[in-house]
Amino acid sequence: MGHASIVCIPETYPLIHYLEHLFEFTAHESCGKCFPCRLGSTRGYELLNKSIQSDYKIDRTLFNDLINTMQHASLCALGGGLPLPIKNALQHFDSELSPYFKT
C-alpha cells in the first residue's frame, strides 16, 4: 500500500492513523510547485485529522474527488502516487475506515 513498495503495518495500529501519516508526509515533502499536491495533501491531512479528533465524518465523494485530482493532476509521483495506497486502504479495509466517513 505504498509507492510501489511493501509496507508492513502492525495489526493493532489504526489504519486511519496510517492514512493521516501518508497525507502529512506528502504535505511536508511537497515542493509546492503544483496545487493538487501542495493543497490536496494538506486538505487530506486536515480531513483525516479532524475525523480522528472529533465526531466529524468525511464526505466520501469529496474525499474521492480530492484523491482523484491528486492522482491525475499532480506534476510528480509524490502527489500522483499518494492516492494508490489511500484507494487500496478504502477498498480493502472499508469496515475499519467506515466510521470516519459519512454513509
PDB file of N, CA and C in Angstrom:
ATOM      1  N   MET A   1       0.809  -1.194   0.000  1.00  0.00           N
ATOM      2  CA  MET A   1       0.000   0.000   0.000  1.00  0.00           C
ATOM      3  C   MET A   1       0.859   1.267   0.000  1.00  0.00           C
ATOM      4  N   GLY A   2       2.025   1.203  -0.554  1.00  0.00           N
ATOM      5  CA  GLY A   2       2.868   2.387  -0.606  1.00  0.00           C
ATOM      6  C   GLY A   2       3.234   2.722  -2.037  1.00  0.00           C
ATOM      7  N   HIS A   3       4.212   3.525  -2.212  1.00  0.00           N
ATOM      8  CA  HIS A   3       4.681   3.919  -3.530  1.00  0.00           C
ATOM      9  C   HIS A   3       5.488   2.774  -4.132  1.00  0.00           C
ATOM     10  N   ALA A   4       4.803   1.804  -4.717  1.00  0.00           N
ATOM     11  CA  ALA A   4       5.432   0.658  -5.378  1.00  0.00           C
ATOM     12  C   ALA A   4       6.350  -0.096  -4.423  1.00  0.00           C
ATOM     13  N   SER A   5       5.929  -0.237  -3.202  1.00  0.00           N
ATOM     14  CA  SER A   5       6.721  -0.951  -2.214  1.00  0.00           C
ATOM     15  C   SER A   5       5.796  -1.742  -1.303  1.00  0.00           C
ATOM     16  N   ILE A   6       6.385  -2.525  -0.468  1.00  0.00           N
ATOM     17  CA  ILE A   6       5.618  -3.276   0.525  1.00  0.00           C
ATOM     18  C   ILE A   6       5.781  -2.554   1.854  1.00  0.00           C
ATOM     19  N   VAL A   7       4.666  -2.254   2.481  1.00  0.00           N
ATOM     20  CA  VAL A   7       4.673  -1.563   3.760  1.00  0.00           C
ATOM     21  C   VAL A   7       4.022  -2.483   4.782  1.00  0.00           C
ATOM     22  N   CYS A   8       4.701  -2.710   5.885  1.00  0.00           N
ATOM     23  CA  CYS A   8       4.171  -3.555   6.949  1.00  0.00           C
ATOM     24  C   CYS A   8       3.619  -2.671   8.062  1.00  0.00           C
ATOM     25  N   ILE A   9       2.383  -2.924   8.412  1.00  0.00           N
ATOM     26  CA  ILE A   9       1.718  -2.153   9.457  1.00  0.00           C
ATOM     27  C   ILE A   9       1.218  -3.152  10.502  1.00  0.00           C
ATOM     28  N   PRO A  10       1.533  -2.939  11.757  1.00  0.00           N
ATOM     29  CA  PRO A  10       1.043  -3.862  12.787  1.00  0.00           C
ATOM     30  C   PRO A  10      -0.482  -3.929  12.787  1.00  0.00           C
ATOM     31  N   GLU A  11      -1.021  -5.090  13.048  1.00  0.00           N
ATOM     32  CA  GLU A  11      -2.478  -5.269  13.063  1.00  0.00           C
ATOM     33  C   GLU A  11      -3.164  -4.361  14.080  1.00  0.00           C
ATOM     34  N   THR A  12      -2.464  -4.026  15.134  1.00  0.00           N
ATOM     35  CA  THR A  12      -3.061  -3.210  16.198  1.00  0.00           C
ATOM     36  C   THR A  12      -2.995  -1.711  15.907  1.00  0.00           C
ATOM     37  N   TYR A  13      -2.273  -1.317  14.843  1.00  0.00           N
ATOM     38  CA  TYR A  13      -2.138   0.105  14.507  1.00  0.00           C
ATOM     39  C   TYR A  13      -3.348   0.538  13.683  1.00  0.00           C
ATOM     40  N   PRO A  14      -4.073   1.563  14.117  1.00  0.00           N
ATOM     41  CA  PRO A  14      -5.264   2.002  13.371  1.00  0.00           C
ATOM     42  C   PRO A  14      -4.891   2.503  11.975  1.00  0.00           C
ATOM     43  N   LEU A  15      -5.546   1.960  10.974  1.00  0.00           N
ATOM     44  CA  LEU A  15      -5.234   2.312   9.601  1.00  0.00           C
ATOM     45  C   LEU A  15      -5.531   3.784   9.311  1.00  0.00           C
ATOM     46  N   ILE A  16      -6.493   4.362   9.991  1.00  0.00           N
ATOM     47  CA  ILE A  16      -6.807   5.775   9.797  1.00  0.00           C
ATOM     48  C   ILE A  16      -5.599   6.642  10.151  1.00  0.00           C
ATOM     49  N   HIS A  17      -4.833   6.231  11.130  1.00  0.00           N
ATOM     50  CA  HIS A  17      -3.622   6.970  11.518  1.00  0.00           C
ATOM     51  C   HIS A  17      -2.533   6.827  10.452  1.00  0.00           C
ATOM     52  N   TYR A  18      -2.477   5.669   9.823  1.00  0.00           N
ATOM     53  CA  TYR A  18      -1.522   5.477   8.732  1.00  0.00           C
ATOM     54  C   TYR A  18      -1.875   6.386   7.549  1.00  0.00           C
ATOM     55  N   LEU A  19      -3.163   6.459   7.214  1.00  0.00           N
ATOM     56  CA  LEU A  19      -3.592   7.330   6.119  1.00  0.00           C
ATOM     57  C   LEU A  19      -3.301   8.792   6.447  1.00  0.00           C
ATOM     58  N   GLU A  20      -3.551   9.174   7.682  1.00  0.00           N
ATOM     59  CA  GLU A  20      -3.243  10.529   8.127  1.00  0.00           C
ATOM     60  C   GLU A  20      -1.737  10.799   7.956  1.00  0.00           C
ATOM     61  N   HIS A  21      -0.921   9.829   8.326  1.00  0.00           N
ATOM     62  CA  HIS A  21       0.535   9.960   8.187  1.00  0.00           C
ATOM     63  C   HIS A  21       0.939  10.137   6.718  1.00  0.00           C
ATOM     64  N   LEU A  22       0.325   9.379   5.810  1.00  0.00           N
ATOM     65  CA  LEU A  22       0.661   9.488   4.396  1.00  0.00           C
ATOM     66  C   LEU A  22       0.403  10.899   3.876  1.00  0.00           C
ATOM     67  N   PHE A  23      -0.751  11.455   4.240  1.00  0.00           N
ATOM     68  CA  PHE A  23      -1.064  12.823   3.811  1.00  0.00           C
ATOM     69  C   PHE A  23      -0.121  13.833   4.460  1.00  0.00           C
ATOM     70  N   GLU A  24       0.165  13.649   5.750  1.00  0.00           N
ATOM     71  CA  GLU A  24       1.050  14.573   6.451  1.00  0.00           C
ATOM     72  C   GLU A  24       2.458  14.538   5.839  1.00  0.00           C
ATOM     73  N   PHE A  25       2.952  13.347   5.549  1.00  0.00           N
ATOM     74  CA  PHE A  25       4.268  13.197   4.939  1.00  0.00           C
ATOM     75  C   PHE A  25       4.308  13.876   3.578  1.00  0.00           C
ATOM     76  N   THR A  26       3.281  13.648   2.766  1.00  0.00           N
ATOM     77  CA  THR A  26       3.241  14.247   1.434  1.00  0.00           C
ATOM     78  C   THR A  26       3.162  15.761   1.517  1.00  0.00           C
ATOM     79  N   ALA A  27       2.363  16.280   2.447  1.00  0.00           N
ATOM     80  CA  ALA A  27       2.259  17.731   2.621  1.00  0.00           C
ATOM     81  C   ALA A  27       3.611  18.315   3.017  1.00  0.00           C
ATOM     82  N   HIS A  28       4.321  17.620   3.883  1.00  0.00           N
ATOM     83  CA  HIS A  28       5.626  18.101   4.340  1.00  0.00           C
ATOM     84  C   HIS A  28       6.670  18.044   3.234  1.00  0.00           C
ATOM     85  N   GLU A  29       6.637  17.006   2.422  1.00  0.00           N
ATOM     86  CA  GLU A  29       7.646  16.796   1.387  1.00  0.00           C
ATOM     87  C   GLU A  29       7.325  17.488   0.064  1.00  0.00           C
ATOM     88  N   SER A  30       6.114  17.997  -0.093  1.00  0.00           N
ATOM     89  CA  SER A  30       5.724  18.631  -1.348  1.00  0.00           C
ATOM     90  C   SER A  30       6.619  19.827  -1.654  1.00  0.00           C
ATOM     91  N   CYS A  31       7.031  19.939  -2.906  1.00  0.00           N
ATOM     92  CA  CYS A  31       7.854  21.085  -3.312  1.00  0.00           C
ATOM     93  C   CYS A  31       7.008  22.345  -3.434  1.00  0.00           C
ATOM     94  N   GLY A  32       5.696  22.186  -3.560  1.00  0.00           N
ATOM     95  CA  GLY A  32       4.796  23.331  -3.647  1.00  0.00           C
ATOM     96  C   GLY A  32       4.565  23.836  -5.050  1.00  0.00           C
ATOM     97  N   LYS A  33       5.145  23.181  -6.041  1.00  0.00           N
ATOM     98  CA  LYS A  33       5.030  23.655  -7.420  1.00  0.00           C
ATOM     99  C   LYS A  33       3.611  23.513  -7.981  1.00  0.00           C
ATOM    100  N   CYS A  34       2.931  22.421  -7.648  1.00  0.00           N
ATOM    101  CA  CYS A  34       1.580  22.227  -8.197  1.00  0.00           C
ATOM    102  C   CYS A  34       0.545  22.241  -7.076  1.00  0.00           C
ATOM    103  N   PHE A  35      -0.611  22.793  -7.405  1.00  0.00           N
ATOM    104  CA  PHE A  35      -1.693  22.918  -6.426  1.00  0.00           C
ATOM    105  C   PHE A  35      -2.227  21.576  -5.932  1.00  0.00           C
ATOM    106  N   PRO A  36      -2.439  20.582  -6.819  1.00  0.00           N
ATOM    107  CA  PRO A  36      -3.021  19.327  -6.329  1.00  0.00           C
ATOM    108  C   PRO A  36      -2.218  18.685  -5.209  1.00  0.00           C
ATOM    109  N   CYS A  37      -0.921  18.687  -5.340  1.00  0.00           N
ATOM    110  CA  CYS A  37      -0.085  18.070  -4.302  1.00  0.00           C
ATOM    111  C   CYS A  37       0.003  18.974  -3.070  1.00  0.00           C
ATOM    112  N   ARG A  38       0.328  20.237  -3.291  1.00  0.00           N
ATOM    113  CA  ARG A  38       0.525  21.159  -2.173  1.00  0.00           C
ATOM    114  C   ARG A  38      -0.747  21.333  -1.346  1.00  0.00           C
ATOM    115  N   LEU A  39      -1.847  21.616  -2.002  1.00  0.00           N
ATOM    116  CA  LEU A  39      -3.102  21.850  -1.278  1.00  0.00           C
ATOM    117  C   LEU A  39      -3.846  20.552  -0.968  1.00  0.00           C
ATOM    118  N   GLY A  40      -3.829  19.617  -1.908  1.00  0.00           N
ATOM    119  CA  GLY A  40      -4.568  18.367  -1.718  1.00  0.00           C
ATOM    120  C   GLY A  40      -4.052  17.551  -0.553  1.00  0.00           C
ATOM    121  N   SER A  41      -2.728  17.473  -0.425  1.00  0.00           N
ATOM    122  CA  SER A  41      -2.169  16.693   0.684  1.00  0.00           C
ATOM    123  C   SER A  41      -2.473  17.365   2.020  1.00  0.00           C
ATOM    124  N   THR A  42      -2.439  18.681   2.042  1.00  0.00           N
ATOM    125  CA  THR A  42      -2.756  19.406   3.279  1.00  0.00           C
ATOM    126  C   THR A  42      -4.226  19.237   3.646  1.00  0.00           C
ATOM    127  N   ARG A  43      -5.113  19.371   2.676  1.00  0.00           N
ATOM    128  CA  ARG A  43      -6.550  19.223   2.947  1.00  0.00           C
ATOM    129  C   ARG A  43      -6.886  17.784   3.335  1.00  0.00           C
ATOM    130  N   GLY A  44      -6.248  16.815   2.686  1.00  0.00           N
ATOM    131  CA  GLY A  44      -6.475  15.412   3.048  1.00  0.00           C
ATOM    132  C   GLY A  44      -6.064  15.141   4.483  1.00  0.00           C
ATOM    133  N   TYR A  45      -4.905  15.674   4.873  1.00  0.00           N
ATOM    134  CA  TYR A  45      -4.453  15.535   6.260  1.00  0.00           C
ATOM    135  C   TYR A  45      -5.456  16.177   7.211  1.00  0.00           C
ATOM    136  N   GLU A  46      -5.910  17.383   6.887  1.00  0.00           N
ATOM    137  CA  GLU A  46      -6.856  18.085   7.756  1.00  0.00           C
ATOM    138  C   GLU A  46      -8.164  17.320   7.907  1.00  0.00           C
ATOM    139  N   LEU A  47      -8.675  16.764   6.813  1.00  0.00           N
ATOM    140  CA  LEU A  47      -9.919  15.984   6.879  1.00  0.00           C
ATOM    141  C   LEU A  47      -9.754  14.771   7.792  1.00  0.00           C
ATOM    142  N   LEU A  48      -8.677  14.025   7.585  1.00  0.00           N
ATOM    143  CA  LEU A  48      -8.455  12.826   8.395  1.00  0.00           C
ATOM    144  C   LEU A  48      -8.209  13.182   9.855  1.00  0.00           C
ATOM    145  N   ASN A  49      -7.407  14.202  10.098  1.00  0.00           N
ATOM    146  CA  ASN A  49      -7.122  14.615  11.465  1.00  0.00           C
ATOM    147  C   ASN A  49      -8.397  15.054  12.176  1.00  0.00           C
ATOM    148  N   LYS A  50      -9.223  15.817  11.487  1.00  0.00           N
ATOM    149  CA  LYS A  50     -10.481  16.293  12.082  1.00  0.00           C
ATOM    150  C   LYS A  50     -11.408  15.120  12.409  1.00  0.00           C
ATOM    151  N   SER A  51     -11.436  14.110  11.541  1.00  0.00           N
ATOM    152  CA  SER A  51     -12.306  12.960  11.802  1.00  0.00           C
ATOM    153  C   SER A  51     -11.780  12.099  12.948  1.00  0.00           C
ATOM    154  N   ILE A  52     -10.468  12.089  13.140  1.00  0.00           N
ATOM    155  CA  ILE A  52      -9.868  11.336  14.248  1.00  0.00           C
ATOM    156  C   ILE A  52     -10.097  12.060  15.574  1.00  0.00           C
ATOM    157  N   GLN A  53      -9.945  13.377  15.559  1.00  0.00           N
ATOM    158  CA  GLN A  53     -10.008  14.178  16.781  1.00  0.00           C
ATOM    159  C   GLN A  53     -11.420  14.518  17.251  1.00  0.00           C
ATOM    160  N   SER A  54     -12.413  14.346  16.365  1.00  0.00           N
ATOM    161  CA  SER A  54     -13.778  14.737  16.730  1.00  0.00           C
ATOM    162  C   SER A  54     -14.774  13.765  16.109  1.00  0.00           C
ATOM    163  N   ASP A  55     -16.032  14.131  16.173  1.00  0.00           N
ATOM    164  CA  ASP A  55     -17.096  13.309  15.586  1.00  0.00           C
ATOM    165  C   ASP A  55     -17.330  13.640  14.115  1.00  0.00           C
ATOM    166  N   TYR A  56     -16.453  14.420  13.524  1.00  0.00           N
ATOM    167  CA  TYR A  56     -16.594  14.828  12.127  1.00  0.00           C
ATOM    168  C   TYR A  56     -16.511  13.608  11.212  1.00  0.00           C
ATOM    169  N   LYS A  57     -17.430  13.531  10.249  1.00  0.00           N
ATOM    170  CA  LYS A  57     -17.444  12.454   9.257  1.00  0.00           C
ATOM    171  C   LYS A  57     -17.061  13.035   7.902  1.00  0.00           C
ATOM    172  N   ILE A  58     -16.127  12.407   7.231  1.00  0.00           N
ATOM    173  CA  ILE A  58     -15.638  12.864   5.936  1.00  0.00           C
ATOM    174  C   ILE A  58     -16.635  12.487   4.850  1.00  0.00           C
ATOM    175  N   ASP A  59     -16.934  13.430   3.983  1.00  0.00           N
ATOM    176  CA  ASP A  59     -17.783  13.163   2.820  1.00  0.00           C
ATOM    177  C   ASP A  59     -16.957  12.328   1.841  1.00  0.00           C
ATOM    178  N   ARG A  60     -17.409  11.113   1.582  1.00  0.00           N
ATOM    179  CA  ARG A  60     -16.639  10.181   0.753  1.00  0.00           C
ATOM    180  C   ARG A  60     -16.487  10.691  -0.690  1.00  0.00           C
ATOM    181  N   THR A  61     -17.516  11.344  -1.221  1.00  0.00           N
ATOM    182  CA  THR A  61     -17.433  11.889  -2.574  1.00  0.00           C
ATOM    183  C   THR A  61     -16.367  12.973  -2.652  1.00  0.00           C
ATOM    184  N   LEU A  62     -16.367  13.869  -1.679  1.00  0.00           N
ATOM    185  CA  LEU A  62     -15.363  14.926  -1.620  1.00  0.00           C
ATOM    186  C   LEU A  62     -13.959  14.320  -1.507  1.00  0.00           C
ATOM    187  N   PHE A  63     -13.810  13.321  -0.651  1.00  0.00           N
ATOM    188  CA  PHE A  63     -12.512  12.682  -0.439  1.00  0.00           C
ATOM    189  C   PHE A  63     -12.032  11.988  -1.717  1.00  0.00           C
ATOM    190  N   ASN A  64     -12.945  11.281  -2.393  1.00  0.00           N
ATOM    191  CA  ASN A  64     -12.585  10.615  -3.651  1.00  0.00           C
ATOM    192  C   ASN A  64     -12.209  11.631  -4.725  1.00  0.00           C
ATOM    193  N   ASP A  65     -12.931  12.751  -4.781  1.00  0.00           N
ATOM    194  CA  ASP A  65     -12.580  13.811  -5.730  1.00  0.00           C
ATOM    195  C   ASP A  65     -11.178  14.343  -5.433  1.00  0.00           C
ATOM    196  N   LEU A  66     -10.876  14.510  -4.169  1.00  0.00           N
ATOM    197  CA  LEU A  66      -9.564  15.008  -3.760  1.00  0.00           C
ATOM    198  C   LEU A  66      -8.452  14.074  -4.226  1.00  0.00           C
ATOM    199  N   ILE A  67      -8.584  12.787  -3.936  1.00  0.00           N
ATOM    200  CA  ILE A  67      -7.502  11.867  -4.299  1.00  0.00           C
ATOM    201  C   ILE A  67      -7.439  11.633  -5.814  1.00  0.00           C
ATOM    202  N   ASN A  68      -8.580  11.690  -6.502  1.00  0.00           N
ATOM    203  CA  ASN A  68      -8.549  11.569  -7.965  1.00  0.00           C
ATOM    204  C   ASN A  68      -7.870  12.776  -8.601  1.00  0.00           C
ATOM    205  N   THR A  69      -8.137  13.961  -8.074  1.00  0.00           N
ATOM    206  CA  THR A  69      -7.473  15.167  -8.575  1.00  0.00           C
ATOM    207  C   THR A  69      -5.976  15.081  -8.343  1.00  0.00           C
ATOM    208  N   MET A  70      -5.579  14.624  -7.174  1.00  0.00           N
ATOM    209  CA  MET A  70      -4.146  14.475  -6.899  1.00  0.00           C
ATOM    210  C   MET A  70      -3.512  13.467  -7.857  1.00  0.00           C
ATOM    211  N   GLN A  71      -4.196  12.374  -8.088  1.00  0.00           N
ATOM    212  CA  GLN A  71      -3.652  11.320  -8.939  1.00  0.00           C
ATOM    213  C   GLN A  71      -3.462  11.796 -10.378  1.00  0.00           C
ATOM    214  N   HIS A  72      -4.417  12.526 -10.902  1.00  0.00           N
ATOM    215  CA  HIS A  72      -4.385  12.883 -12.317  1.00  0.00           C
ATOM    216  C   HIS A  72      -3.760  14.246 -12.620  1.00  0.00           C
ATOM    217  N   ALA A  73      -3.642  15.119 -11.620  1.00  0.00           N
ATOM    218  CA  ALA A  73      -3.181  16.476 -11.908  1.00  0.00           C
ATOM    219  C   ALA A  73      -1.858  16.850 -11.245  1.00  0.00           C
ATOM    220  N   SER A  74      -1.346  16.011 -10.365  1.00  0.00           N
ATOM    221  CA  SER A  74      -0.045  16.324  -9.752  1.00  0.00           C
ATOM    222  C   SER A  74       1.053  16.189 -10.793  1.00  0.00           C
ATOM    223  N   LEU A  75       2.067  17.004 -10.663  1.00  0.00           N
ATOM    224  CA  LEU A  75       3.139  17.021 -11.646  1.00  0.00           C
ATOM    225  C   LEU A  75       4.181  15.929 -11.437  1.00  0.00           C
ATOM    226  N   CYS A  76       4.248  15.357 -10.242  1.00  0.00           N
ATOM    227  CA  CYS A  76       5.249  14.316  -9.996  1.00  0.00           C
ATOM    228  C   CYS A  76       4.616  13.132  -9.279  1.00  0.00           C
ATOM    229  N   ALA A  77       5.439  12.147  -9.021  1.00  0.00           N
ATOM    230  CA  ALA A  77       4.957  10.912  -8.402  1.00  0.00           C
ATOM    231  C   ALA A  77       4.627  11.059  -6.919  1.00  0.00           C
ATOM    232  N   LEU A  78       5.100  12.108  -6.272  1.00  0.00           N
ATOM    233  CA  LEU A  78       4.777  12.275  -4.847  1.00  0.00           C
ATOM    234  C   LEU A  78       3.279  12.476  -4.672  1.00  0.00           C
ATOM    235  N   GLY A  79       2.733  13.497  -5.292  1.00  0.00           N
ATOM    236  CA  GLY A  79       1.291  13.749  -5.193  1.00  0.00           C
ATOM    237  C   GLY A  79       0.473  12.766  -6.005  1.00  0.00           C
ATOM    238  N   GLY A  80       1.005  12.362  -7.151  1.00  0.00           N
ATOM    239  CA  GLY A  80       0.287  11.426  -8.008  1.00  0.00           C
ATOM    240  C   GLY A  80       0.279  10.004  -7.493  1.00  0.00           C
ATOM    241  N   GLY A  81       1.240   9.661  -6.644  1.00  0.00           N
ATOM    242  CA  GLY A  81       1.324   8.307  -6.102  1.00  0.00           C
ATOM    243  C   GLY A  81       0.597   8.118  -4.792  1.00  0.00           C
ATOM    244  N   LEU A  82       0.330   9.194  -4.096  1.00  0.00           N
ATOM    245  CA  LEU A  82      -0.355   9.090  -2.801  1.00  0.00           C
ATOM    246  C   LEU A  82      -1.723   8.414  -2.891  1.00  0.00           C
ATOM    247  N   PRO A  83      -2.531   8.692  -3.917  1.00  0.00           N
ATOM    248  CA  PRO A  83      -3.858   8.087  -3.964  1.00  0.00           C
ATOM    249  C   PRO A  83      -3.884   6.560  -4.021  1.00  0.00           C
ATOM    250  N   LEU A  84      -2.859   5.930  -4.560  1.00  0.00           N
ATOM    251  CA  LEU A  84      -2.870   4.467  -4.669  1.00  0.00           C
ATOM    252  C   LEU A  84      -3.014   3.779  -3.314  1.00  0.00           C
ATOM    253  N   PRO A  85      -2.179   4.057  -2.325  1.00  0.00           N
ATOM    254  CA  PRO A  85      -2.382   3.384  -1.043  1.00  0.00           C
ATOM    255  C   PRO A  85      -3.670   3.817  -0.349  1.00  0.00           C
ATOM    256  N   ILE A  86      -4.122   5.048  -0.572  1.00  0.00           N
ATOM    257  CA  ILE A  86      -5.374   5.508   0.029  1.00  0.00           C
ATOM    258  C   ILE A  86      -6.539   4.724  -0.556  1.00  0.00           C
ATOM    259  N   LYS A  87      -6.571   4.606  -1.884  1.00  0.00           N
ATOM    260  CA  LYS A  87      -7.642   3.849  -2.548  1.00  0.00           C
ATOM    261  C   LYS A  87      -7.621   2.379  -2.132  1.00  0.00           C
ATOM    262  N   ASN A  88      -6.427   1.806  -2.043  1.00  0.00           N
ATOM    263  CA  ASN A  88      -6.309   0.406  -1.616  1.00  0.00           C
ATOM    264  C   ASN A  88      -6.849   0.217  -0.202  1.00  0.00           C
ATOM    265  N   ALA A  89      -6.500   1.134   0.683  1.00  0.00           N
ATOM    266  CA  ALA A  89      -6.975   1.035   2.066  1.00  0.00           C
ATOM    267  C   ALA A  89      -8.497   1.150   2.119  1.00  0.00           C
ATOM    268  N   LEU A  90      -9.062   2.098   1.374  1.00  0.00           N
ATOM    269  CA  LEU A  90     -10.515   2.271   1.371  1.00  0.00           C
ATOM    270  C   LEU A  90     -11.220   1.044   0.795  1.00  0.00           C
ATOM    271  N   GLN A  91     -10.595   0.410  -0.171  1.00  0.00           N
ATOM    272  CA  GLN A  91     -11.194  -0.773  -0.787  1.00  0.00           C
ATOM    273  C   GLN A  91     -11.097  -2.004   0.111  1.00  0.00           C
ATOM    274  N   HIS A  92      -9.938  -2.232   0.688  1.00  0.00           N
ATOM    275  CA  HIS A  92      -9.707  -3.485   1.411  1.00  0.00           C
ATOM    276  C   HIS A  92      -9.987  -3.411   2.918  1.00  0.00           C
ATOM    277  N   PHE A  93     -10.083  -2.205   3.465  1.00  0.00           N
ATOM    278  CA  PHE A  93     -10.304  -2.052   4.898  1.00  0.00           C
ATOM    279  C   PHE A  93     -11.489  -1.129   5.188  1.00  0.00           C
ATOM    280  N   ASP A  94     -12.503  -1.234   4.352  1.00  0.00           N
ATOM    281  CA  ASP A  94     -13.668  -0.358   4.481  1.00  0.00           C
ATOM    282  C   ASP A  94     -14.346  -0.487   5.841  1.00  0.00           C
ATOM    283  N   SER A  95     -14.423  -1.685   6.368  1.00  0.00           N
ATOM    284  CA  SER A  95     -15.102  -1.868   7.659  1.00  0.00           C
ATOM    285  C   SER A  95     -14.375  -1.132   8.777  1.00  0.00           C
ATOM    286  N   GLU A  96     -13.056  -1.060   8.715  1.00  0.00           N
ATOM    287  CA  GLU A  96     -12.293  -0.339   9.745  1.00  0.00           C
ATOM    288  C   GLU A  96     -12.369   1.182   9.548  1.00  0.00           C
ATOM    289  N   LEU A  97     -12.444   1.613   8.291  1.00  0.00           N
ATOM    290  CA  LEU A  97     -12.416   3.038   7.983  1.00  0.00           C
ATOM    291  C   LEU A  97     -13.796   3.687   7.905  1.00  0.00           C
ATOM    292  N   SER A  98     -14.826   2.917   7.704  1.00  0.00           N
ATOM    293  CA  SER A  98     -16.182   3.479   7.506  1.00  0.00           C
ATOM    294  C   SER A  98     -16.684   4.348   8.648  1.00  0.00           C
ATOM    295  N   PRO A  99     -16.301   4.122   9.912  1.00  0.00           N
ATOM    296  CA  PRO A  99     -16.771   5.023  10.970  1.00  0.00           C
ATOM    297  C   PRO A  99     -16.297   6.477  10.813  1.00  0.00           C
ATOM    298  N   TYR A 100     -15.284   6.698  10.010  1.00  0.00           N
ATOM    299  CA  TYR A 100     -14.749   8.036   9.818  1.00  0.00           C
ATOM    300  C   TYR A 100     -15.369   8.758   8.613  1.00  0.00           C
ATOM    301  N   PHE A 101     -16.221   8.068   7.884  1.00  0.00           N
ATOM    302  CA  PHE A 101     -16.825   8.605   6.674  1.00  0.00           C
ATOM    303  C   PHE A 101     -18.348   8.634   6.795  1.00  0.00           C
ATOM    304  N   LYS A 102     -18.959   9.607   6.110  1.00  0.00           N
ATOM    305  CA  LYS A 102     -20.421   9.679   6.055  1.00  0.00           C
ATOM    306  C   LYS A 102     -20.929   8.470   5.274  1.00  0.00           C
ATOM    307  N   THR A 103     -22.088   7.984   5.692  1.00  0.00           N
ATOM    308  CA  THR A 103     -22.666   6.826   4.980  1.00  0.00           C
ATOM    309  C   THR A 103     -23.576   7.261   3.873  1.00  0.00           C
TER     310      THR A 103
END
